[in-house]
């Protein structure tokens, strides 16, 4: 499993723990739904601000998220 797949898995698990779906993420972060799908599909391409906001929303440690697996 590469780092992109691992980040996607970590996001999915955190969303599940918080009982949030992609639409919830989209609304909370004020992203369009297609943008949310794109960003969640390839979290390696998130800019720092978006990564921080996403991690805060789903209670992930940003350092552990950014640091390569």
PDB file of N, CA and C in Angstrom:
ATOM      1  N   UNK A   1       0.862  -1.180   0.000  1.00  0.00           N
ATOM      2  CA  UNK A   1       0.000   0.000   0.000  1.00  0.00           C
ATOM      3  C   UNK A   1       0.904   1.237   0.000  1.00  0.00           C
ATOM      4  N   UNK A   2       0.686   2.129  -0.956  1.00  0.00           N
ATOM      5  CA  UNK A   2       1.511   3.336  -1.009  1.00  0.00           C
ATOM      6  C   UNK A   2       0.969   4.413  -0.061  1.00  0.00           C
ATOM      7  N   UNK A   3       1.713   5.506   0.067  1.00  0.00           N
ATOM      8  CA  UNK A   3       1.341   6.540   1.039  1.00  0.00           C
ATOM      9  C   UNK A   3      -0.001   7.191   0.702  1.00  0.00           C
ATOM     10  N   UNK A   4      -0.311   7.355  -0.586  1.00  0.00           N
ATOM     11  CA  UNK A   4      -1.603   7.953  -0.958  1.00  0.00           C
ATOM     12  C   UNK A   4      -2.755   7.059  -0.516  1.00  0.00           C
ATOM     13  N   UNK A   5      -2.611   5.757  -0.743  1.00  0.00           N
ATOM     14  CA  UNK A   5      -3.646   4.815  -0.329  1.00  0.00           C
ATOM     15  C   UNK A   5      -3.776   4.785   1.195  1.00  0.00           C
ATOM     16  N   UNK A   6      -2.653   4.879   1.878  1.00  0.00           N
ATOM     17  CA  UNK A   6      -2.697   4.867   3.343  1.00  0.00           C
ATOM     18  C   UNK A   6      -3.395   6.115   3.880  1.00  0.00           C
ATOM     19  N   UNK A   7      -3.095   7.277   3.271  1.00  0.00           N
ATOM     20  CA  UNK A   7      -3.771   8.505   3.706  1.00  0.00           C
ATOM     21  C   UNK A   7      -5.278   8.415   3.462  1.00  0.00           C
ATOM     22  N   UNK A   8      -5.649   7.885   2.300  1.00  0.00           N
ATOM     23  CA  UNK A   8      -7.080   7.710   2.011  1.00  0.00           C
ATOM     24  C   UNK A   8      -7.732   6.808   3.050  1.00  0.00           C
ATOM     25  N   UNK A   9      -7.061   5.737   3.403  1.00  0.00           N
ATOM     26  CA  UNK A   9      -7.589   4.800   4.400  1.00  0.00           C
ATOM     27  C   UNK A   9      -7.734   5.476   5.764  1.00  0.00           C
ATOM     28  N   UNK A  10      -6.732   6.253   6.154  1.00  0.00           N
ATOM     29  CA  UNK A  10      -6.778   6.967   7.431  1.00  0.00           C
ATOM     30  C   UNK A  10      -7.949   7.947   7.445  1.00  0.00           C
ATOM     31  N   UNK A  11      -8.155   8.658   6.344  1.00  0.00           N
ATOM     32  CA  UNK A  11      -9.275   9.597   6.259  1.00  0.00           C
ATOM     33  C   UNK A  11     -10.600   8.847   6.371  1.00  0.00           C
ATOM     34  N   UNK A  12     -10.728   7.751   5.661  1.00  0.00           N
ATOM     35  CA  UNK A  12     -11.969   6.961   5.716  1.00  0.00           C
ATOM     36  C   UNK A  12     -12.262   6.473   7.135  1.00  0.00           C
ATOM     37  N   UNK A  13     -11.242   5.998   7.820  1.00  0.00           N
ATOM     38  CA  UNK A  13     -11.429   5.506   9.186  1.00  0.00           C
ATOM     39  C   UNK A  13     -11.841   6.651  10.109  1.00  0.00           C
ATOM     40  N   UNK A  14     -11.151   7.789   9.994  1.00  0.00           N
ATOM     41  CA  UNK A  14     -11.488   8.943  10.840  1.00  0.00           C
ATOM     42  C   UNK A  14     -12.900   9.441  10.560  1.00  0.00           C
ATOM     43  N   UNK A  15     -13.297   9.459   9.292  1.00  0.00           N
ATOM     44  CA  UNK A  15     -14.664   9.858   8.949  1.00  0.00           C
ATOM     45  C   UNK A  15     -15.670   8.883   9.553  1.00  0.00           C
ATOM     46  N   UNK A  16     -15.349   7.617   9.519  1.00  0.00           N
ATOM     47  CA  UNK A  16     -16.240   6.604  10.080  1.00  0.00           C
ATOM     48  C   UNK A  16     -16.384   6.776  11.585  1.00  0.00           C
ATOM     49  N   UNK A  17     -15.270   7.025  12.254  1.00  0.00           N
ATOM     50  CA  UNK A  17     -15.301   7.229  13.709  1.00  0.00           C
ATOM     51  C   UNK A  17     -16.166   8.443  14.049  1.00  0.00           C
ATOM     52  N   UNK A  18     -16.038   9.509  13.257  1.00  0.00           N
ATOM     53  CA  UNK A  18     -16.830  10.721  13.483  1.00  0.00           C
ATOM     54  C   UNK A  18     -18.242  10.614  12.915  1.00  0.00           C
ATOM     55  N   UNK A  19     -18.533   9.474  12.247  1.00  0.00           N
ATOM     56  CA  UNK A  19     -19.828   9.247  11.614  1.00  0.00           C
ATOM     57  C   UNK A  19     -20.159  10.352  10.611  1.00  0.00           C
ATOM     58  N   UNK A  20     -19.156  10.677   9.789  1.00  0.00           N
ATOM     59  CA  UNK A  20     -19.330  11.695   8.751  1.00  0.00           C
ATOM     60  C   UNK A  20     -19.205  11.037   7.386  1.00  0.00           C
ATOM     61  N   UNK A  21     -19.982  11.529   6.449  1.00  0.00           N
ATOM     62  CA  UNK A  21     -19.842  11.051   5.075  1.00  0.00           C
ATOM     63  C   UNK A  21     -19.240  12.177   4.233  1.00  0.00           C
ATOM     64  N   UNK A  22     -19.053  11.920   2.959  1.00  0.00           N
ATOM     65  CA  UNK A  22     -18.415  12.894   2.079  1.00  0.00           C
ATOM     66  C   UNK A  22     -19.245  14.169   1.941  1.00  0.00           C
ATOM     67  N   UNK A  23     -20.540  14.034   1.963  1.00  0.00           N
ATOM     68  CA  UNK A  23     -21.404  15.207   1.876  1.00  0.00           C
ATOM     69  C   UNK A  23     -21.258  16.078   3.132  1.00  0.00           C
ATOM     70  N   UNK A  24     -21.144  15.442   4.297  1.00  0.00           N
ATOM     71  CA  UNK A  24     -20.921  16.194   5.536  1.00  0.00           C
ATOM     72  C   UNK A  24     -19.610  16.984   5.466  1.00  0.00           C
ATOM     73  N   UNK A  25     -18.568  16.332   4.955  1.00  0.00           N
ATOM     74  CA  UNK A  25     -17.270  16.990   4.807  1.00  0.00           C
ATOM     75  C   UNK A  25     -17.407  18.180   3.858  1.00  0.00           C
ATOM     76  N   UNK A  26     -18.076  17.954   2.753  1.00  0.00           N
ATOM     77  CA  UNK A  26     -18.278  18.997   1.751  1.00  0.00           C
ATOM     78  C   UNK A  26     -18.956  20.226   2.356  1.00  0.00           C
ATOM     79  N   UNK A  27     -20.015  20.008   3.088  1.00  0.00           N
ATOM     80  CA  UNK A  27     -20.753  21.123   3.696  1.00  0.00           C
ATOM     81  C   UNK A  27     -19.934  21.816   4.776  1.00  0.00           C
ATOM     82  N   UNK A  28     -19.281  21.049   5.629  1.00  0.00           N
ATOM     83  CA  UNK A  28     -18.524  21.619   6.746  1.00  0.00           C
ATOM     84  C   UNK A  28     -17.332  22.450   6.275  1.00  0.00           C
ATOM     85  N   UNK A  29     -16.710  22.026   5.182  1.00  0.00           N
ATOM     86  CA  UNK A  29     -15.526  22.733   4.688  1.00  0.00           C
ATOM     87  C   UNK A  29     -15.853  23.714   3.564  1.00  0.00           C
ATOM     88  N   UNK A  30     -17.138  23.799   3.221  1.00  0.00           N
ATOM     89  CA  UNK A  30     -17.610  24.704   2.176  1.00  0.00           C
ATOM     90  C   UNK A  30     -16.921  24.429   0.836  1.00  0.00           C
ATOM     91  N   UNK A  31     -16.816  23.140   0.524  1.00  0.00           N
ATOM     92  CA  UNK A  31     -16.294  22.686  -0.764  1.00  0.00           C
ATOM     93  C   UNK A  31     -17.472  22.155  -1.566  1.00  0.00           C
ATOM     94  N   UNK A  32     -17.376  22.243  -2.880  1.00  0.00           N
ATOM     95  CA  UNK A  32     -18.400  21.591  -3.690  1.00  0.00           C
ATOM     96  C   UNK A  32     -18.211  20.080  -3.542  1.00  0.00           C
ATOM     97  N   UNK A  33     -19.264  19.340  -3.813  1.00  0.00           N
ATOM     98  CA  UNK A  33     -19.158  17.882  -3.671  1.00  0.00           C
ATOM     99  C   UNK A  33     -18.117  17.291  -4.630  1.00  0.00           C
ATOM    100  N   UNK A  34     -18.079  17.711  -5.908  1.00  0.00           N
ATOM    101  CA  UNK A  34     -17.039  17.177  -6.800  1.00  0.00           C
ATOM    102  C   UNK A  34     -15.619  17.508  -6.316  1.00  0.00           C
ATOM    103  N   UNK A  35     -15.444  18.701  -5.761  1.00  0.00           N
ATOM    104  CA  UNK A  35     -14.130  19.072  -5.220  1.00  0.00           C
ATOM    105  C   UNK A  35     -13.775  18.185  -4.036  1.00  0.00           C
ATOM    106  N   UNK A  36     -14.743  17.910  -3.193  1.00  0.00           N
ATOM    107  CA  UNK A  36     -14.520  17.032  -2.045  1.00  0.00           C
ATOM    108  C   UNK A  36     -14.096  15.647  -2.504  1.00  0.00           C
ATOM    109  N   UNK A  37     -14.788  15.107  -3.493  1.00  0.00           N
ATOM    110  CA  UNK A  37     -14.422  13.789  -4.004  1.00  0.00           C
ATOM    111  C   UNK A  37     -13.002  13.784  -4.540  1.00  0.00           C
ATOM    112  N   UNK A  38     -12.641  14.831  -5.271  1.00  0.00           N
ATOM    113  CA  UNK A  38     -11.301  14.935  -5.839  1.00  0.00           C
ATOM    114  C   UNK A  38     -10.238  15.007  -4.743  1.00  0.00           C
ATOM    115  N   UNK A  39     -10.492  15.814  -3.730  1.00  0.00           N
ATOM    116  CA  UNK A  39      -9.506  15.983  -2.660  1.00  0.00           C
ATOM    117  C   UNK A  39      -9.385  14.738  -1.797  1.00  0.00           C
ATOM    118  N   UNK A  40     -10.479  14.051  -1.561  1.00  0.00           N
ATOM    119  CA  UNK A  40     -10.420  12.835  -0.751  1.00  0.00           C
ATOM    120  C   UNK A  40      -9.819  11.672  -1.536  1.00  0.00           C
ATOM    121  N   UNK A  41      -9.984  11.701  -2.848  1.00  0.00           N
ATOM    122  CA  UNK A  41      -9.408  10.637  -3.674  1.00  0.00           C
ATOM    123  C   UNK A  41      -7.889  10.747  -3.727  1.00  0.00           C
ATOM    124  N   UNK A  42      -7.378  11.969  -3.718  1.00  0.00           N
ATOM    125  CA  UNK A  42      -5.939  12.181  -3.777  1.00  0.00           C
ATOM    126  C   UNK A  42      -5.505  13.170  -2.693  1.00  0.00           C
ATOM    127  N   UNK A  43      -5.496  12.739  -1.422  1.00  0.00           N
ATOM    128  CA  UNK A  43      -5.185  13.648  -0.322  1.00  0.00           C
ATOM    129  C   UNK A  43      -3.757  14.181  -0.348  1.00  0.00           C
ATOM    130  N   UNK A  44      -2.877  13.567  -1.116  1.00  0.00           N
ATOM    131  CA  UNK A  44      -1.501  14.054  -1.230  1.00  0.00           C
ATOM    132  C   UNK A  44      -1.454  15.425  -1.892  1.00  0.00           C
ATOM    133  N   UNK A  45      -2.477  15.761  -2.642  1.00  0.00           N
ATOM    134  CA  UNK A  45      -2.519  17.041  -3.357  1.00  0.00           C
ATOM    135  C   UNK A  45      -3.223  18.148  -2.569  1.00  0.00           C
ATOM    136  N   UNK A  46      -3.651  17.867  -1.362  1.00  0.00           N
ATOM    137  CA  UNK A  46      -4.277  18.904  -0.548  1.00  0.00           C
ATOM    138  C   UNK A  46      -3.253  19.979  -0.223  1.00  0.00           C
ATOM    139  N   UNK A  47      -3.677  21.237  -0.286  1.00  0.00           N
ATOM    140  CA  UNK A  47      -2.757  22.276   0.182  1.00  0.00           C
ATOM    141  C   UNK A  47      -2.773  22.270   1.714  1.00  0.00           C
ATOM    142  N   UNK A  48      -1.845  22.956   2.320  1.00  0.00           N
ATOM    143  CA  UNK A  48      -1.683  22.900   3.772  1.00  0.00           C
ATOM    144  C   UNK A  48      -2.940  23.364   4.497  1.00  0.00           C
ATOM    145  N   UNK A  49      -3.544  24.435   4.020  1.00  0.00           N
ATOM    146  CA  UNK A  49      -4.747  24.958   4.652  1.00  0.00           C
ATOM    147  C   UNK A  49      -5.886  23.938   4.604  1.00  0.00           C
ATOM    148  N   UNK A  50      -6.096  23.339   3.448  1.00  0.00           N
ATOM    149  CA  UNK A  50      -7.168  22.344   3.315  1.00  0.00           C
ATOM    150  C   UNK A  50      -6.881  21.115   4.170  1.00  0.00           C
ATOM    151  N   UNK A  51      -5.627  20.685   4.211  1.00  0.00           N
ATOM    152  CA  UNK A  51      -5.259  19.533   5.030  1.00  0.00           C
ATOM    153  C   UNK A  51      -5.506  19.823   6.510  1.00  0.00           C
ATOM    154  N   UNK A  52      -5.134  21.016   6.957  1.00  0.00           N
ATOM    155  CA  UNK A  52      -5.366  21.400   8.352  1.00  0.00           C
ATOM    156  C   UNK A  52      -6.851  21.411   8.689  1.00  0.00           C
ATOM    157  N   UNK A  53      -7.642  22.006   7.812  1.00  0.00           N
ATOM    158  CA  UNK A  53      -9.090  22.087   8.053  1.00  0.00           C
ATOM    159  C   UNK A  53      -9.727  20.701   8.088  1.00  0.00           C
ATOM    160  N   UNK A  54      -9.342  19.843   7.132  1.00  0.00           N
ATOM    161  CA  UNK A  54      -9.880  18.492   7.089  1.00  0.00           C
ATOM    162  C   UNK A  54      -9.488  17.715   8.345  1.00  0.00           C
ATOM    163  N   UNK A  55      -8.219  17.789   8.708  1.00  0.00           N
ATOM    164  CA  UNK A  55      -7.746  17.051   9.889  1.00  0.00           C
ATOM    165  C   UNK A  55      -8.432  17.535  11.166  1.00  0.00           C
ATOM    166  N   UNK A  56      -8.615  18.831  11.278  1.00  0.00           N
ATOM    167  CA  UNK A  56      -9.305  19.367  12.452  1.00  0.00           C
ATOM    168  C   UNK A  56     -10.749  18.873  12.501  1.00  0.00           C
ATOM    169  N   UNK A  57     -11.393  18.846  11.365  1.00  0.00           N
ATOM    170  CA  UNK A  57     -12.792  18.420  11.287  1.00  0.00           C
ATOM    171  C   UNK A  57     -12.971  16.963  11.697  1.00  0.00           C
ATOM    172  N   UNK A  58     -12.052  16.104  11.259  1.00  0.00           N
ATOM    173  CA  UNK A  58     -12.213  14.670  11.541  1.00  0.00           C
ATOM    174  C   UNK A  58     -11.270  14.178  12.639  1.00  0.00           C
ATOM    175  N   UNK A  59     -10.704  15.127  13.397  1.00  0.00           N
ATOM    176  CA  UNK A  59      -9.859  14.821  14.564  1.00  0.00           C
ATOM    177  C   UNK A  59      -8.635  13.975  14.224  1.00  0.00           C
ATOM    178  N   UNK A  60      -7.919  14.376  13.178  1.00  0.00           N
ATOM    179  CA  UNK A  60      -6.649  13.742  12.834  1.00  0.00           C
ATOM    180  C   UNK A  60      -5.519  14.687  13.210  1.00  0.00           C
ATOM    181  N   UNK A  61      -4.410  14.136  13.652  1.00  0.00           N
ATOM    182  CA  UNK A  61      -3.216  14.925  13.922  1.00  0.00           C
ATOM    183  C   UNK A  61      -2.579  15.279  12.577  1.00  0.00           C
ATOM    184  N   UNK A  62      -2.484  16.568  12.278  1.00  0.00           N
ATOM    185  CA  UNK A  62      -1.981  17.009  10.982  1.00  0.00           C
ATOM    186  C   UNK A  62      -0.547  16.545  10.736  1.00  0.00           C
ATOM    187  N   UNK A  63       0.273  16.525  11.757  1.00  0.00           N
ATOM    188  CA  UNK A  63       1.669  16.101  11.587  1.00  0.00           C
ATOM    189  C   UNK A  63       1.720  14.633  11.180  1.00  0.00           C
ATOM    190  N   UNK A  64       0.935  13.814  11.817  1.00  0.00           N
ATOM    191  CA  UNK A  64       0.912  12.401  11.466  1.00  0.00           C
ATOM    192  C   UNK A  64       0.304  12.183  10.083  1.00  0.00           C
ATOM    193  N   UNK A  65      -0.607  13.042   9.692  1.00  0.00           N
ATOM    194  CA  UNK A  65      -1.220  12.928   8.373  1.00  0.00           C
ATOM    195  C   UNK A  65      -0.231  13.301   7.269  1.00  0.00           C
ATOM    196  N   UNK A  66       0.517  14.379   7.481  1.00  0.00           N
ATOM    197  CA  UNK A  66       1.446  14.871   6.465  1.00  0.00           C
ATOM    198  C   UNK A  66       2.714  14.015   6.398  1.00  0.00           C
ATOM    199  N   UNK A  67       3.192  13.593   7.553  1.00  0.00           N
ATOM    200  CA  UNK A  67       4.443  12.828   7.604  1.00  0.00           C
ATOM    201  C   UNK A  67       4.293  11.552   6.766  1.00  0.00           C
ATOM    202  N   UNK A  68       5.272  11.286   5.919  1.00  0.00           N
ATOM    203  CA  UNK A  68       5.180  10.065   5.087  1.00  0.00           C
ATOM    204  C   UNK A  68       5.075   8.809   5.935  1.00  0.00           C
ATOM    205  N   UNK A  69       4.328   7.865   5.439  1.00  0.00           N
ATOM    206  CA  UNK A  69       4.113   6.614   6.155  1.00  0.00           C
ATOM    207  C   UNK A  69       5.307   5.713   5.977  1.00  0.00           C
TER     208      UNK A  69
END
